[in-house]
Protein backbone atom coordinates (compact mmCIF):
# COMPACT_ATOMS: atom_id res chain seq x y z
CA MET A 1 -102.51 112.68 39.47
CA ALA A 2 -103.84 109.68 37.59
CA ALA A 3 -104.98 111.92 34.73
CA ASP A 4 -101.31 112.87 34.13
CA ARG A 5 -100.31 109.23 33.78
CA PRO A 6 -102.22 107.55 30.94
CA ILE A 7 -100.69 104.22 31.94
CA ALA A 8 -102.49 104.49 35.30
CA THR A 9 -105.81 105.03 33.57
CA ARG A 10 -105.17 102.08 31.26
CA GLY A 11 -104.18 99.92 34.23
CA ALA A 12 -107.31 100.89 36.15
CA THR A 13 -109.45 100.11 33.10
CA LEU A 14 -107.77 96.71 32.77
CA ILE A 15 -108.52 95.91 36.43
CA ALA A 16 -112.12 97.07 36.01
CA THR A 17 -112.40 94.84 32.94
CA GLY A 18 -111.10 91.91 35.00
CA PHE A 19 -113.69 92.58 37.68
CA ASN A 20 -116.42 92.81 35.03
CA GLU A 21 -115.37 89.38 33.77
CA TYR A 22 -115.56 88.01 37.32
CA ARG A 23 -119.00 89.40 38.10
CA SER A 24 -120.34 88.31 34.70
CA ARG A 25 -119.18 84.74 35.21
CA PHE A 26 -120.33 84.78 38.84
CA ALA A 27 -123.79 85.89 37.72
CA ALA A 28 -123.93 83.26 34.98
CA ILE A 29 -123.22 80.47 37.47
CA THR A 30 -125.72 81.90 39.96
CA ARG A 31 -128.45 82.07 37.30
CA ARG A 32 -128.21 78.31 36.88
CA ALA A 33 -129.58 77.76 40.39
CA PRO A 34 -133.30 78.10 39.57
CA VAL A 35 -132.80 75.82 36.56
CA ARG A 36 -131.06 73.20 38.71
CA PHE A 37 -133.85 73.44 41.30
CA ALA A 38 -136.66 73.12 38.76
CA SER A 39 -135.05 70.15 36.99
CA ARG A 40 -133.84 68.53 40.24
CA ASP A 41 -130.28 68.53 38.91
CA TRP A 42 -128.66 68.29 42.33
CA SER A 43 -125.28 67.05 41.16
CA GLY A 44 -125.13 69.92 38.66
CA GLY A 45 -125.90 72.35 41.47
CA ARG A 46 -123.08 70.89 43.53
CA ASP A 47 -120.70 71.33 40.59
CA ASP A 48 -121.87 74.94 40.21
CA ALA A 49 -121.10 75.63 43.87
CA VAL A 50 -117.52 74.40 43.47
CA GLU A 51 -117.07 76.24 40.18
CA ARG A 52 -118.19 79.51 41.74
CA LEU A 53 -115.91 79.07 44.76
CA GLU A 54 -112.92 78.61 42.46
CA LEU A 55 -113.86 81.43 40.08
CA TYR A 56 -112.24 84.34 41.94
CA LYS A 57 -108.71 82.97 41.69
CA LYS A 58 -109.26 81.96 38.07
CA VAL A 59 -109.99 85.59 37.18
CA VAL A 60 -107.58 87.40 39.52
CA THR A 61 -104.50 85.46 38.39
CA PRO A 62 -104.75 86.17 34.62
CA THR A 63 -105.81 89.75 35.32
CA LEU A 64 -102.56 90.27 37.21
CA VAL A 65 -100.60 88.71 34.34
CA ARG A 66 -102.24 91.09 31.85
CA LEU A 67 -101.56 94.04 34.14
CA GLU A 68 -97.88 93.12 34.43
CA THR A 69 -97.68 92.81 30.65
CA LEU A 70 -99.16 96.30 30.34
CA VAL A 71 -97.00 98.16 32.87
CA GLY A 72 -93.86 96.03 32.86
CA ALA A 73 -91.31 96.72 35.60
CA ALA A 74 -93.56 99.48 36.98
CA ILE A 75 -95.82 96.78 38.45
CA ARG A 76 -94.06 97.36 41.79
CA ASP A 77 -94.14 101.16 41.58
CA ARG A 78 -96.28 102.26 44.51
CA SER A 79 -96.91 105.68 43.01
CA LEU A 80 -98.37 103.99 39.94
CA TRP A 81 -100.70 101.95 42.13
CA THR A 82 -101.75 105.09 43.99
CA ASP A 83 -102.64 106.68 40.66
CA MET A 84 -104.38 103.52 39.46
CA LYS A 85 -106.41 103.45 42.64
CA GLU A 86 -107.58 107.03 41.99
CA ALA A 87 -108.39 106.23 38.36
CA PHE A 88 -110.15 103.02 39.43
CA VAL A 89 -112.46 104.93 41.78
CA ALA A 90 -113.43 107.24 38.93
CA ARG A 91 -113.97 104.23 36.67
CA VAL A 92 -116.26 102.25 39.01
CA GLN A 93 -117.96 105.11 40.86
CA GLY A 94 -121.69 104.51 41.03
CA TRP A 95 -121.53 100.82 40.20
CA PRO A 96 -124.09 98.93 42.32
CA ASP A 97 -121.36 96.49 43.40
CA MET A 98 -118.56 99.02 43.76
CA GLU A 99 -117.56 97.56 47.12
CA LEU A 100 -116.81 94.22 45.44
CA ALA A 101 -114.74 96.00 42.80
CA GLU A 102 -112.64 97.61 45.54
CA THR A 103 -111.96 94.20 47.05
CA PHE A 104 -110.93 92.91 43.60
CA PHE A 105 -108.44 95.80 43.30
CA ASN A 106 -107.09 94.97 46.77
CA SER A 107 -106.58 91.33 45.80
CA LEU A 108 -104.27 92.41 42.99
CA SER A 109 -102.31 95.00 44.96
CA ARG A 110 -101.71 92.64 47.88
CA LYS A 111 -100.43 89.93 45.53
CA VAL A 112 -97.92 92.39 44.10
CA PHE A 113 -96.69 93.90 47.35
CA THR A 114 -97.46 91.16 49.93
CA THR A 115 -98.40 94.11 52.12
CA VAL A 116 -97.81 93.70 55.83
CA GLY A 117 -100.81 95.16 57.62
CA VAL A 118 -102.55 97.67 55.36
CA ASP A 119 -101.34 100.36 52.99
CA PRO A 120 -103.99 103.00 52.17
CA SER A 121 -101.91 104.28 49.27
CA VAL A 122 -102.30 101.08 47.23
CA GLU A 123 -105.47 99.46 48.62
CA PHE A 124 -108.93 100.36 49.84
CA VAL A 125 -108.74 100.19 53.63
CA ALA A 126 -112.03 102.02 54.07
CA SER A 127 -114.58 101.70 51.30
CA GLU A 128 -115.41 104.64 49.05
CA THR A 129 -119.04 103.49 49.24
CA GLY A 130 -121.42 104.17 52.08
CA GLY A 131 -121.68 100.49 53.00
CA PRO A 132 -124.75 98.25 52.96
CA GLU A 133 -128.13 99.96 52.92
CA SER A 134 -131.60 98.53 52.95
CA GLY A 135 -132.74 97.53 49.49
CA GLU A 136 -136.34 98.60 49.90
CA GLY A 137 -138.04 99.38 46.61
CA ALA A 138 -136.78 97.42 43.64
CA LEU A 139 -135.64 94.49 45.79
CA VAL A 140 -138.87 94.18 47.79
CA ARG A 141 -142.54 93.45 47.18
CA GLU A 142 -145.08 94.51 49.79
CA TYR A 143 -148.18 92.51 50.67
CA LEU A 144 -150.95 94.14 52.70
CA PRO A 145 -153.63 92.32 54.69
CA ASP A 146 -156.70 92.09 52.48
CA GLY A 147 -159.83 92.98 54.46
CA SER A 148 -162.03 91.32 51.86
CA GLY A 149 -159.87 88.24 51.43
CA THR A 150 -157.96 85.80 53.57
CA LEU A 151 -154.40 85.30 54.78
CA ALA A 152 -154.22 82.35 52.38
CA ALA A 153 -154.76 84.81 49.51
CA VAL A 154 -151.77 86.83 50.71
CA PHE A 155 -149.58 83.74 50.72
CA ARG A 156 -150.87 82.64 47.36
CA ALA A 157 -149.77 86.01 45.99
CA ILE A 158 -146.35 85.61 47.62
CA LEU A 159 -145.88 82.17 46.06
CA GLU A 160 -147.17 83.24 42.63
CA ASP A 161 -144.79 86.20 42.61
CA HIS A 162 -141.82 83.81 42.96
CA PRO A 163 -142.36 81.49 39.99
CA PHE A 164 -140.32 78.43 38.97
CA ALA A 165 -140.01 76.51 35.74
CA ALA A 166 -141.39 73.51 37.65
CA PRO A 167 -145.11 73.64 38.53
CA TRP A 168 -146.53 73.82 42.03
CA GLU A 169 -147.73 70.49 43.34
CA ASP A 170 -150.80 72.16 44.88
CA LEU A 171 -150.64 75.95 45.13
CA GLU A 172 -153.95 76.34 46.94
CA ARG A 173 -153.06 73.72 49.55
CA ASP A 174 -149.63 75.20 50.19
CA ALA A 175 -150.92 78.76 50.43
CA LEU A 176 -153.48 77.64 53.00
CA SER A 177 -150.92 75.56 54.95
CA ALA A 178 -148.41 78.41 54.96
CA ALA A 179 -151.07 80.87 56.12
CA ARG A 180 -152.17 78.59 58.95
CA GLU A 181 -148.60 78.05 60.12
CA PHE A 182 -147.86 81.78 59.86
CA SER A 183 -150.93 82.63 61.94
CA ARG A 184 -150.27 79.91 64.52
CA ARG A 185 -146.64 80.89 65.01
CA LEU A 186 -147.43 84.60 65.32
CA VAL A 187 -150.12 83.93 67.90
CA GLU A 188 -147.81 81.65 69.88
CA SER A 189 -144.93 84.10 69.97
CA ARG A 190 -146.64 87.51 69.74
CA GLY A 191 -150.17 86.89 70.99
CA THR A 192 -151.86 87.98 67.76
CA ASP A 193 -151.64 87.21 64.06
CA GLY A 194 -152.32 90.80 63.02
CA PHE A 195 -149.75 92.62 60.90
CA ASP A 196 -149.38 95.85 58.94
CA ALA A 197 -147.54 94.43 55.93
CA ILE A 198 -145.38 91.57 54.73
CA GLU A 199 -142.33 92.55 52.71
CA MET A 200 -140.62 89.83 50.69
CA LEU A 201 -137.33 90.08 48.83
CA ARG A 202 -137.79 89.45 45.12
CA PRO A 203 -134.64 87.31 44.72
CA ILE A 204 -134.97 83.64 45.65
CA PHE A 205 -132.21 82.05 47.73
CA PHE A 206 -131.04 78.63 46.51
CA ARG A 207 -128.79 76.18 48.36
CA ASN A 208 -128.36 72.45 47.84
CA LYS A 209 -131.88 71.04 47.26
CA GLY A 210 -133.77 73.91 48.86
CA ALA A 211 -135.13 77.29 47.77
CA TYR A 212 -136.00 80.01 50.25
CA LEU A 213 -138.25 83.07 50.09
CA VAL A 214 -136.97 85.67 52.55
CA GLY A 215 -138.72 88.69 54.00
CA LYS A 216 -140.20 90.27 57.11
CA VAL A 217 -143.50 90.98 58.82
CA LYS A 218 -144.05 94.59 59.86
CA ARG A 219 -146.10 95.20 63.00
CA GLY A 220 -146.07 98.78 64.23
CA ASP A 221 -142.46 99.64 64.97
CA GLY A 222 -141.46 95.98 65.16
CA VAL A 223 -140.21 93.53 62.56
CA VAL A 224 -140.56 89.74 62.53
CA PRO A 225 -138.35 87.78 60.10
CA LEU A 226 -140.07 85.45 57.66
CA VAL A 227 -138.55 82.61 55.63
CA VAL A 228 -140.61 80.24 53.50
CA SER A 229 -138.71 77.04 52.64
CA LEU A 230 -139.50 75.26 49.38
CA LEU A 231 -138.62 71.79 48.10
CA ASN A 232 -138.93 70.00 44.78
CA PRO A 233 -139.14 66.35 45.87
CA ALA A 234 -140.67 64.89 42.69
CA GLY A 235 -140.70 67.51 39.94
CA LYS A 236 -143.27 69.78 41.58
CA VAL A 237 -142.61 72.57 44.08
CA VAL A 238 -144.00 72.40 47.62
CA VAL A 239 -143.85 74.63 50.70
CA ASP A 240 -142.00 72.70 53.39
CA ALA A 241 -141.68 75.17 56.27
CA VAL A 242 -142.54 78.67 57.44
CA LEU A 243 -139.97 80.16 59.82
CA LEU A 244 -140.67 83.24 61.94
CA GLU A 245 -138.30 83.08 64.91
CA PRO A 246 -135.06 85.12 64.75
CA ASP A 247 -133.04 82.10 65.92
CA GLU A 248 -134.50 79.89 63.19
CA VAL A 249 -133.85 82.42 60.45
CA SER A 250 -130.33 83.07 61.72
CA ILE A 251 -129.57 79.33 61.55
CA VAL A 252 -130.71 79.27 57.91
CA PHE A 253 -127.97 81.86 57.27
CA SER A 254 -125.45 80.17 59.58
CA PHE A 255 -121.67 80.49 59.23
CA THR A 256 -121.57 76.68 59.27
CA ARG A 257 -123.46 76.25 55.99
CA SER A 258 -122.61 76.44 52.31
CA TYR A 259 -123.21 79.70 50.49
CA PHE A 260 -126.49 80.66 48.83
CA HIS A 261 -126.90 81.24 45.12
CA VAL A 262 -129.06 84.36 44.85
CA GLU A 263 -129.19 86.72 41.91
CA THR A 264 -128.78 90.45 42.57
CA SER A 265 -126.98 93.33 40.88
CA SER A 266 -126.62 95.18 44.18
CA PRO A 267 -125.14 92.99 46.93
CA ALA A 268 -124.92 95.96 49.30
CA LYS A 269 -128.67 96.54 49.13
CA LEU A 270 -129.43 92.86 49.52
CA VAL A 271 -127.13 92.63 52.56
CA GLY A 272 -128.72 95.78 53.96
CA SER A 273 -132.16 94.23 53.66
CA LEU A 274 -131.01 91.00 55.30
CA LYS A 275 -129.48 93.04 58.10
CA THR A 276 -132.93 94.46 58.96
CA ILE A 277 -134.18 90.95 59.83
CA MET A 278 -130.89 89.67 61.31
CA PRO A 279 -129.48 92.77 63.02
CA LYS A 280 -127.01 90.83 65.17
CA LYS A 281 -125.43 88.95 62.29
CA PRO A 282 -122.17 90.55 61.08
CA VAL A 283 -122.23 92.21 57.67
CA SER A 284 -119.17 90.14 56.77
CA GLU A 285 -121.10 86.90 57.23
CA LEU A 286 -124.08 88.14 55.22
CA TYR A 287 -121.82 88.96 52.25
CA THR A 288 -120.20 85.56 52.61
CA GLU A 289 -123.56 83.77 52.81
CA ILE A 290 -124.64 85.20 49.44
CA GLY A 291 -121.43 83.96 47.83
CA HIS A 292 -119.16 87.00 48.10
CA ASN A 293 -116.74 85.43 50.57
CA LYS A 294 -113.78 87.54 49.42
CA HIS A 295 -115.64 90.73 50.24
CA GLY A 296 -116.92 89.11 53.42
CA LYS A 297 -113.29 88.73 54.41
CA THR A 298 -112.72 92.43 53.62
CA GLU A 299 -115.68 93.43 55.78
CA LEU A 300 -114.45 91.22 58.63
CA PHE A 301 -111.02 92.85 58.55
CA ARG A 302 -112.48 96.36 58.45
CA ASN A 303 -114.75 95.56 61.34
CA PHE A 304 -111.83 94.15 63.29
CA LEU A 305 -109.72 97.28 62.71
CA SER A 306 -112.61 99.42 63.92
CA HIS A 307 -113.05 97.22 66.98
CA MET A 308 -109.36 97.44 67.81
CA GLU A 309 -109.56 101.22 67.81
CA ALA A 310 -112.59 101.18 70.10
CA SER A 311 -111.35 98.54 72.57
CA THR A 312 -108.50 98.17 75.05
CA ASP A 313 -108.48 94.50 76.10
CA HIS A 314 -105.57 92.15 75.39
CA PHE A 315 -105.22 89.08 73.20
CA VAL A 316 -105.23 85.89 75.23
CA ARG A 317 -105.03 82.19 74.56
CA ALA A 318 -108.41 80.92 73.36
CA PRO A 319 -110.37 78.78 75.85
CA GLY A 320 -109.87 75.06 75.51
CA VAL A 321 -107.10 72.49 75.37
CA GLU A 322 -104.04 73.51 73.37
CA GLY A 323 -103.86 71.53 70.12
CA MET A 324 -100.84 69.84 68.58
CA VAL A 325 -101.18 71.53 65.19
CA MET A 326 -102.65 74.97 65.84
CA THR A 327 -102.08 77.62 68.46
CA VAL A 328 -105.22 79.69 68.92
CA PHE A 329 -105.73 83.12 70.48
CA THR A 330 -108.60 85.56 70.76
CA LEU A 331 -109.60 89.02 71.90
CA PRO A 332 -112.17 88.58 74.70
CA SER A 333 -114.29 91.46 73.41
CA TYR A 334 -114.35 90.17 69.82
CA ASP A 335 -116.24 87.04 68.75
CA VAL A 336 -113.46 85.57 66.59
CA VAL A 337 -110.48 83.27 67.14
CA PHE A 338 -107.15 83.48 65.31
CA LYS A 339 -105.53 80.13 64.44
CA VAL A 340 -101.82 79.87 63.61
CA ILE A 341 -100.18 76.67 62.37
CA LYS A 342 -97.31 75.62 64.60
CA ASP A 343 -93.78 75.21 63.24
CA SER A 344 -93.72 71.49 64.04
CA PHE A 345 -96.15 68.87 65.32
CA PRO A 346 -95.22 66.34 68.02
CA PRO A 347 -95.96 62.61 67.58
CA PRO A 348 -98.35 61.03 66.84
CA LYS A 349 -99.18 63.85 64.43
CA ALA A 350 -97.53 63.14 61.09
CA SER A 351 -99.07 65.94 59.01
CA THR A 352 -97.11 68.69 57.28
CA ARG A 353 -98.02 72.36 57.10
CA ALA A 354 -98.99 71.93 53.44
CA GLU A 355 -101.28 69.03 54.30
CA VAL A 356 -103.02 71.05 57.02
CA GLN A 357 -103.63 73.91 54.60
CA ALA A 358 -104.97 71.42 52.05
CA LYS A 359 -107.53 70.22 54.61
CA TYR A 360 -108.79 73.77 55.09
CA ARG A 361 -109.07 74.20 51.32
CA LEU A 362 -111.04 70.95 51.19
CA VAL A 363 -113.53 72.28 53.73
CA PHE A 364 -113.85 75.53 51.75
CA ARG A 365 -114.89 73.62 48.63
CA HIS A 366 -117.01 71.01 50.39
CA GLY A 367 -120.67 71.08 51.40
CA ARG A 368 -120.63 71.94 55.09
CA ALA A 369 -124.07 70.63 56.15
CA GLY A 370 -124.32 73.16 58.96
CA ARG A 371 -121.60 71.27 60.85
CA LEU A 372 -118.30 72.76 59.59
CA VAL A 373 -117.29 76.26 60.64
CA ASP A 374 -116.46 78.68 57.84
CA THR A 375 -112.91 80.02 57.97
CA GLN A 376 -111.16 83.05 56.49
CA GLU A 377 -107.50 82.85 55.53
CA PHE A 378 -105.29 85.92 55.99
CA GLU A 379 -101.67 86.71 55.22
CA TYR A 380 -99.32 89.31 56.68
CA LEU A 381 -101.52 90.78 59.35
CA GLU A 382 -100.06 93.04 62.02
CA PHE A 383 -101.31 93.70 65.53
CA PRO A 384 -100.17 96.23 68.14
CA LEU A 385 -97.53 94.67 70.39
CA THR A 386 -99.11 96.29 73.44
CA ARG A 387 -102.35 94.30 72.96
CA PHE A 388 -100.66 90.93 73.64
CA ARG A 389 -100.30 89.42 77.07
CA PRO A 390 -96.58 88.64 77.56
CA GLU A 391 -97.22 84.96 78.18
CA LEU A 392 -99.25 84.66 74.97
CA LEU A 393 -96.63 86.40 72.84
CA GLU A 394 -93.88 84.26 74.34
CA SER A 395 -95.87 81.12 73.49
CA LEU A 396 -96.59 82.28 69.92
CA LEU A 397 -92.93 83.00 69.24
CA LYS A 398 -91.92 79.67 70.74
CA VAL A 399 -94.31 77.36 68.87
CA ALA A 400 -94.87 79.41 65.67
CA GLY A 401 -91.73 81.51 65.33
CA GLU A 402 -91.55 80.82 61.60
CA THR A 403 -94.92 82.53 61.18
CA VAL A 404 -94.99 85.09 64.02
CA ARG A 405 -92.42 87.83 64.51
CA VAL A 406 -92.10 91.16 66.30
CA GLU A 407 -91.23 94.22 64.21
CA GLY A 408 -90.90 97.37 66.28
CA ASP A 409 -94.18 97.95 68.05
CA GLN A 410 -96.10 95.46 65.89
CA VAL A 411 -96.63 91.70 65.95
CA VAL A 412 -96.61 90.44 62.36
CA ILE A 413 -98.28 87.12 61.53
CA ARG A 414 -97.45 85.76 58.10
CA HIS A 415 -100.41 83.40 57.88
CA LEU A 416 -103.50 82.64 59.97
CA TYR A 417 -107.11 81.51 59.86
CA THR A 418 -110.04 83.17 61.57
CA GLU A 419 -113.19 81.44 62.78
CA ARG A 420 -116.16 82.42 64.88
CA ARG A 421 -115.45 81.75 68.56
CA LEU A 422 -117.37 78.81 70.00
CA THR A 423 -117.47 77.03 73.34
CA PRO A 424 -115.38 73.83 73.08
CA LEU A 425 -117.67 70.86 73.56
CA ASP A 426 -115.56 69.33 76.33
CA LEU A 427 -115.76 72.57 78.35
CA PHE A 428 -119.46 72.90 77.62
CA LEU A 429 -120.24 69.40 78.90
CA ARG A 430 -118.22 70.07 82.03
CA GLU A 431 -120.04 73.29 82.91
CA ALA A 432 -123.56 73.01 81.44
CA PRO A 433 -126.67 71.90 83.35
CA ASP A 434 -127.58 68.27 82.82
CA ASP A 435 -130.39 68.90 80.34
CA GLU A 436 -128.22 71.14 78.13
CA ALA A 437 -125.30 68.73 78.32
CA ARG A 438 -127.58 65.86 77.30
CA ARG A 439 -128.94 67.86 74.38
CA ALA A 440 -125.41 68.75 73.27
CA ILE A 441 -124.14 65.17 73.33
CA LEU A 442 -127.17 64.00 71.37
CA ASP A 443 -126.48 66.71 68.80
CA PHE A 444 -122.83 65.67 68.73
CA GLY A 445 -123.99 62.30 67.45
CA GLU A 446 -126.23 63.99 64.89
CA ALA A 447 -123.28 66.11 63.80
CA LEU A 448 -121.20 62.98 63.12
CA LYS A 449 -124.04 61.47 61.10
CA GLU A 450 -124.68 64.60 59.08
CA LEU A 451 -120.99 65.03 58.34
CA ALA A 452 -120.88 61.40 57.22
CA SER A 453 -123.83 62.00 54.89
CA THR A 454 -121.76 64.71 53.15
CA ASN A 455 -118.76 62.36 52.82
CA VAL A 456 -116.80 63.84 55.73
CA PHE A 457 -115.13 62.02 58.60
CA PRO A 458 -113.62 64.33 61.26
CA GLY A 459 -110.68 62.02 61.88
CA ASP A 460 -110.04 63.19 65.42
CA LEU A 461 -113.19 62.71 67.50
CA LEU A 462 -111.86 64.33 70.66
CA LEU A 463 -114.60 66.52 72.09
CA LYS A 464 -112.22 69.49 72.25
CA ASN A 465 -112.28 69.62 68.45
CA PHE A 466 -116.03 70.31 68.40
CA GLY A 467 -117.73 73.50 69.52
CA VAL A 468 -121.17 74.57 70.67
CA THR A 469 -122.80 77.59 69.06
CA ARG A 470 -125.05 80.02 70.90
CA HIS A 471 -127.99 78.12 69.50
CA GLY A 472 -126.80 74.91 71.16
CA ARG A 473 -125.69 73.29 67.90
CA VAL A 474 -122.56 71.17 67.85
CA VAL A 475 -120.15 71.84 64.99
CA PHE A 476 -116.65 70.73 64.02
CA TYR A 477 -113.80 73.23 63.70
CA ASP A 478 -110.43 71.44 63.81
CA TYR A 479 -109.65 70.16 60.32
CA ASP A 480 -106.08 68.85 60.38
CA GLU A 481 -107.19 65.18 60.41
CA LEU A 482 -110.45 65.58 58.48
CA CYS A 483 -110.84 63.29 55.46
CA LEU A 484 -113.43 62.02 53.01
CA LEU A 485 -115.57 59.26 54.46
CA THR A 486 -115.12 57.20 51.30
CA ASP A 487 -111.35 57.18 51.87
CA CYS A 488 -111.79 55.43 55.23
CA HIS A 489 -111.80 51.69 55.91
CA PHE A 490 -114.17 50.92 58.78
CA ARG A 491 -113.34 47.63 60.43
CA GLU A 492 -114.54 45.48 63.27
CA LEU A 493 -112.08 45.20 66.14
CA PRO A 494 -110.51 41.73 66.07
CA GLU A 495 -110.51 39.65 69.21
CA GLU A 496 -107.39 39.59 71.34
CA SER A 497 -104.84 36.86 70.82
CA ASP A 498 -103.88 34.37 73.54
CA GLY A 499 -101.24 36.77 74.77
CA GLY A 500 -103.87 39.37 75.57
CA GLU A 501 -102.77 41.79 72.88
CA PRO A 502 -104.42 42.25 69.48
CA SER A 503 -102.26 40.97 66.64
CA PHE A 504 -103.38 42.30 63.29
CA TYR A 505 -102.34 44.78 60.63
CA VAL A 506 -103.72 48.33 60.88
CA GLY A 507 -103.62 50.40 57.70
CA ALA A 508 -103.30 54.18 57.54
CA ASN A 509 -107.04 54.63 56.85
CA ASP A 510 -108.33 51.83 59.06
CA ILE A 511 -110.89 52.95 61.65
CA PHE A 512 -112.39 50.86 64.45
CA PRO A 513 -115.69 52.44 65.58
CA GLU A 514 -115.79 50.19 68.67
CA GLU A 515 -112.97 52.33 70.03
CA PHE A 516 -114.93 55.58 69.79
CA LEU A 517 -116.76 55.36 73.13
CA PRO A 518 -113.72 54.94 75.41
CA PHE A 519 -111.87 57.48 73.29
CA LEU A 520 -114.62 60.08 73.85
CA GLY A 521 -114.48 59.61 77.61
CA LEU A 522 -118.20 60.18 78.14
CA LYS A 523 -119.51 59.50 81.62
CA GLY A 524 -122.81 59.20 83.44
CA ALA A 525 -125.95 60.64 81.88
CA ALA A 526 -124.10 61.93 78.82
CA ARG A 527 -122.73 58.48 78.09
CA GLU A 528 -126.14 56.84 78.49
CA ALA A 529 -127.81 59.46 76.30
CA PHE A 530 -125.25 58.92 73.55
CA LEU A 531 -125.64 55.15 73.72
CA GLY A 532 -129.42 55.42 73.66
CA ALA A 533 -129.54 57.51 70.48
CA HIS A 534 -126.29 56.81 68.63
CA ARG A 535 -125.16 53.27 69.39
CA ASP A 536 -125.08 52.67 65.63
CA LEU A 537 -122.01 54.93 65.42
CA LEU A 538 -120.03 52.40 67.49
CA GLY A 539 -119.87 49.70 64.83
CA PRO A 540 -118.79 49.67 61.18
CA GLY A 541 -122.31 49.02 59.83
CA PHE A 542 -123.56 52.62 59.84
CA TRP A 543 -120.36 53.94 58.29
CA ARG A 544 -120.20 51.29 55.58
CA VAL A 545 -123.84 51.76 54.59
CA THR A 546 -123.35 55.52 54.37
CA GLN A 547 -120.25 54.99 52.21
CA GLU A 548 -122.21 52.72 49.89
CA ARG A 549 -125.01 55.26 49.50
CA ILE A 550 -122.53 58.03 48.70
CA GLN A 551 -120.64 55.84 46.23
CA ALA A 552 -123.96 55.01 44.57
CA GLY A 553 -124.43 58.72 43.88
CA GLU A 554 -127.01 59.52 46.53
CA LEU A 555 -127.14 63.13 47.69
CA PHE A 556 -128.56 63.45 51.18
CA ASP A 557 -130.90 66.26 52.24
CA ILE A 558 -129.98 68.27 55.33
CA PHE A 559 -132.23 71.24 56.00
CA PRO A 560 -131.65 73.94 58.61
CA TYR A 561 -134.82 73.57 60.64
CA PRO A 562 -136.21 70.88 62.96
CA PRO A 563 -138.71 68.23 61.87
CA GLU A 564 -141.57 69.87 63.77
CA ARG A 565 -141.30 72.89 61.49
CA ARG A 566 -142.17 70.83 58.41
CA LEU A 567 -145.74 71.32 57.23
CA GLY A 568 -146.43 67.64 56.75
CA GLY A 569 -145.83 64.78 54.40
CA PRO A 570 -143.11 62.14 54.38
CA ALA A 571 -139.48 63.15 54.42
CA PRO A 572 -137.62 62.68 51.14
CA ALA A 573 -135.33 59.66 50.90
CA GLY A 574 -132.13 60.32 52.80
CA PHE A 575 -133.63 63.33 54.52
CA ARG A 576 -131.70 64.34 57.62
CA VAL A 577 -132.38 67.36 59.76
CA SER A 578 -131.09 68.37 63.14
CA CYS A 579 -131.63 71.65 64.92
CA PRO A 580 -131.90 71.50 68.71
CA SER A 581 -133.74 74.10 70.69
CA PRO A 582 -131.52 77.08 71.50
CA ILE A 583 -129.95 77.37 74.90
CA ASP A 584 -131.89 79.67 77.19
CA GLY A 585 -130.66 83.24 76.84
CA ALA A 586 -128.97 82.59 73.49
CA THR A 587 -128.70 85.44 71.03
CA PRO A 588 -129.49 84.92 67.34
CA SER A 589 -125.97 85.24 66.01
CA GLU A 590 -125.23 81.87 64.44
């Protein structure tokens, strides 16, 4: 028992102290968000986002060093870790973020033991907490329809209850505009603007240059999500959009966007509340979206283990063209792909394994603009051998034998990435009706422009490297040739020499946009649609101008809703927004 081993109690206390340091520093960074928003310190907010992403490792590593100093050679004594786990539960029991503390403990134990699969004796496989629960009460304010007042008065109260250090540009105007949009959208989608209550979360969600008020509209037994988007374009706060459709709200919380900065002492209750308005969105993604990506990874793995126990289908090769760098497989019944780096890459690929991993780390730290898929990195996972199709296992062992091995009745994978499963764009264009294919290719062009505005060039523009979400949005997911736009040299294609062949020097970072169109292989209506809307991508001018704006320090705006959702007024300088209508029958899971 841990009580019989004082060293276990001291070790558990040291780990709890490390976690306390992490959450204190995490909270301090998060609390800067409203200050950055009010003062329009966008570059400072970007620095905060990177600092917070890097914080976990900066706390875990020294905590492990201190623990090893405390226990010495016993650091690899499993019985000690079992006792420390018991003492740790007693130490953190009742904490409002206990589930995050468990994940912190797991991070340390897995670094010590490089555990293959899971080991319940030295890590929390199932949480000691009850999981996310709705945070009604302290997290929520309720607003009732006022029979003697107006809907504008309700929205004025909502806005006043979420104050900023910056003043409102025109509170009365925005309350009235928000109320009108709310009423119009409810009538359009539900046939009436009546409601029983509006419940708004007290915390404000900050990301990039936007702030978001999040809540729900209660109507009988039904719930309608509600997000009010706020901007600070010139030192005064304005309401920019009112979102009421599940698809729209889900896209705000998309797995392709950077994480929110939102202050809460109880992430589980906040996630529980978000789950009531986005019931189809995985808990793992909601934790990740509020900045707790390490625990989001834990929740994903737990959910996957549960799904494996409840399912019987086999792993298969993921749909799409096999890549040169990654081999990708999936479980048909589970909405995730597993990506394993191959042992070697055939020409013309010249990357190394380390360089590929560096590209994925770059994406993790970079603003994703709603166009880069979030990934989770795992080590030493094991899967039942019987769940693999023989042809898939044979292929994995052939192309990634340094990473994949069979041990008894288990397939052990030393390193892999997981991503949400998407429809590869080349397959989508081949199979989709003409109108959906046209919409997708137009959004493909928008994706390239929005990535460029965040200083990203995909490198490899093959359509197979882009995917289509259930909302019809085109996103990029293959990062082995991704680079910073400002590292590229965009050139005009020289004319051919007398011999019919071009004769000129091509540097490693030289890019000739005139070659994009034949490289993409677009045909017919899709080709004409792309040319009609995005011909500027086929010359160096667009790319050079975007580089110049980035090098001059400009930070572009990219908001997760379409222009028609804006309540009026000119777009801020550099404002970009793209959000196509969802494909018919789509489910709000982005």
